[in-house]
Amino acid sequence: MGDEARVEATCGRSAEAELRLKARDGTIEVELRIDGERRGERWRVVLVHERRVAWRGTARTRSSGDLRIRRSLPNYDGADQVGVLASGPRGVRCEASAVLGGD
C-alpha cells in the first residue's frame, strides 16, 4: 500500500479497464479507464468509497472507443477502499477495487 494504487478491472466480453488511485493534497484522485469496442457506447458507472456511493453517472466512449472518468475523493485517515462497477452495452460489466494508504 502507499500513496498510489493501480488495478486491472475484471470485465466481460472484450472490454478492458483499469482503476487508478493517487493520494494528493488530502484527496484521492480516482481515474477509471475503459477500452470499449466502439465510439458512443454508453456506460453507467458507480464509484464506491468506504462502502458508500461517492458518485454515480453515465458517460460515452470517445471516438477512439475509450472512456475516462476522473473524480476526487476525500482522503480519510488510514487505508481507503475505493471500488467501481461499470455497466456497458450488451450487458458488459467491469468491476475493480483497490486500497490506498494505511502504511
Protein backbone atom coordinates (compact mmCIF):
# COMPACT_ATOMS: atom_id res chain seq x y z
CA MET A 1 0.00 0.00 0.00
CA GLY A 2 1.10 3.62 -0.27
CA ASP A 3 0.11 6.79 -1.99
CA GLU A 4 -0.67 5.14 -5.34
CA ALA A 5 -2.65 2.07 -6.39
CA ARG A 6 -3.48 0.60 -9.79
CA VAL A 7 -5.61 -2.46 -10.55
CA GLU A 8 -6.98 -4.03 -13.69
CA ALA A 9 -10.72 -4.50 -13.66
CA THR A 10 -12.48 -7.75 -14.29
CA CYS A 11 -14.65 -7.20 -17.37
CA GLY A 12 -16.85 -9.25 -19.64
CA ARG A 13 -16.55 -9.73 -23.39
CA SER A 14 -13.72 -7.77 -25.00
CA ALA A 15 -13.70 -4.74 -22.67
CA GLU A 16 -10.61 -3.89 -20.66
CA ALA A 17 -10.46 -1.47 -17.74
CA GLU A 18 -8.10 -0.04 -15.16
CA LEU A 19 -8.70 1.76 -11.86
CA ARG A 20 -6.00 4.15 -10.61
CA LEU A 21 -5.88 5.88 -7.23
CA LYS A 22 -3.39 8.54 -6.19
CA ALA A 23 -3.15 10.46 -2.90
CA ARG A 24 -2.56 14.17 -3.41
CA ASP A 25 -3.03 17.15 -1.08
CA GLY A 26 -5.57 15.49 1.23
CA THR A 27 -7.60 13.98 -1.59
CA ILE A 28 -7.65 10.79 -3.62
CA GLU A 29 -7.57 11.26 -7.36
CA VAL A 30 -9.54 8.46 -8.98
CA GLU A 31 -9.23 7.58 -12.65
CA LEU A 32 -11.21 4.85 -14.39
CA ARG A 33 -10.24 3.93 -17.93
CA ILE A 34 -12.32 1.55 -20.04
CA ASP A 35 -11.33 0.42 -23.52
CA GLY A 36 -14.58 -0.29 -25.28
CA GLU A 37 -15.30 -1.52 -28.78
CA ARG A 38 -16.93 1.47 -30.44
CA ARG A 39 -17.40 5.19 -30.28
CA GLY A 40 -20.50 6.43 -28.47
CA GLU A 41 -21.09 3.40 -26.24
CA ARG A 42 -22.98 4.36 -23.09
CA TRP A 43 -21.62 3.20 -19.72
CA ARG A 44 -23.21 3.55 -16.29
CA VAL A 45 -20.64 3.89 -13.52
CA VAL A 46 -20.89 3.68 -9.72
CA LEU A 47 -17.92 4.74 -7.60
CA VAL A 48 -17.89 3.48 -4.01
CA HIS A 49 -15.64 4.92 -1.28
CA GLU A 50 -15.58 3.23 2.11
CA ARG A 51 -18.83 1.31 1.42
CA ARG A 52 -20.74 4.44 0.39
CA VAL A 53 -21.70 5.56 -3.10
CA ALA A 54 -19.44 8.53 -3.80
CA TRP A 55 -20.53 9.14 -7.40
CA ARG A 56 -22.94 7.68 -9.91
CA GLY A 57 -23.30 8.73 -13.52
CA THR A 58 -23.16 7.89 -17.21
CA ALA A 59 -20.56 8.54 -19.87
CA ARG A 60 -20.00 7.68 -23.52
CA THR A 61 -16.88 6.37 -25.17
CA ARG A 62 -14.91 8.82 -27.28
CA SER A 63 -14.06 8.45 -30.95
CA SER A 64 -11.23 6.04 -30.11
CA GLY A 65 -13.66 3.76 -28.23
CA ASP A 66 -12.20 4.55 -24.81
CA LEU A 67 -13.78 6.10 -21.77
CA ARG A 68 -12.04 8.01 -18.99
CA ILE A 69 -13.67 9.17 -15.77
CA ARG A 70 -11.83 11.26 -13.17
CA ARG A 71 -13.07 12.17 -9.73
CA SER A 72 -11.59 13.42 -6.44
CA LEU A 73 -12.50 11.90 -3.10
CA PRO A 74 -11.56 12.85 0.46
CA ASN A 75 -8.53 11.00 1.82
CA TYR A 76 -9.51 9.70 5.26
CA ASP A 77 -7.06 8.68 7.98
CA GLY A 78 -5.73 5.16 7.46
CA ALA A 79 -6.45 2.97 4.47
CA ASP A 80 -9.14 4.00 1.99
CA GLN A 81 -11.00 1.42 -0.08
CA VAL A 82 -12.38 2.52 -3.45
CA GLY A 83 -14.38 0.33 -5.79
CA VAL A 84 -16.07 0.79 -9.13
CA LEU A 85 -18.82 -1.03 -11.02
CA ALA A 86 -19.39 -0.10 -14.65
CA SER A 87 -22.17 -1.44 -16.86
CA GLY A 88 -21.84 -1.05 -20.60
CA PRO A 89 -23.51 -2.08 -23.84
CA ARG A 90 -24.85 -5.60 -24.34
CA GLY A 91 -24.59 -6.39 -20.62
CA VAL A 92 -20.83 -5.89 -20.32
CA ARG A 93 -19.75 -5.26 -16.72
CA CYS A 94 -16.44 -4.19 -15.22
CA GLU A 95 -15.58 -4.36 -11.52
CA ALA A 96 -12.48 -3.28 -9.64
CA SER A 97 -11.46 -2.45 -6.08
CA ALA A 98 -8.27 -1.01 -4.62
CA VAL A 99 -6.96 0.09 -1.24
CA LEU A 100 -4.87 3.23 -0.86
CA GLY A 101 -2.71 4.21 2.11
CA GLY A 102 -2.68 2.72 5.56
CA ASP A 103 1.09 2.38 5.87
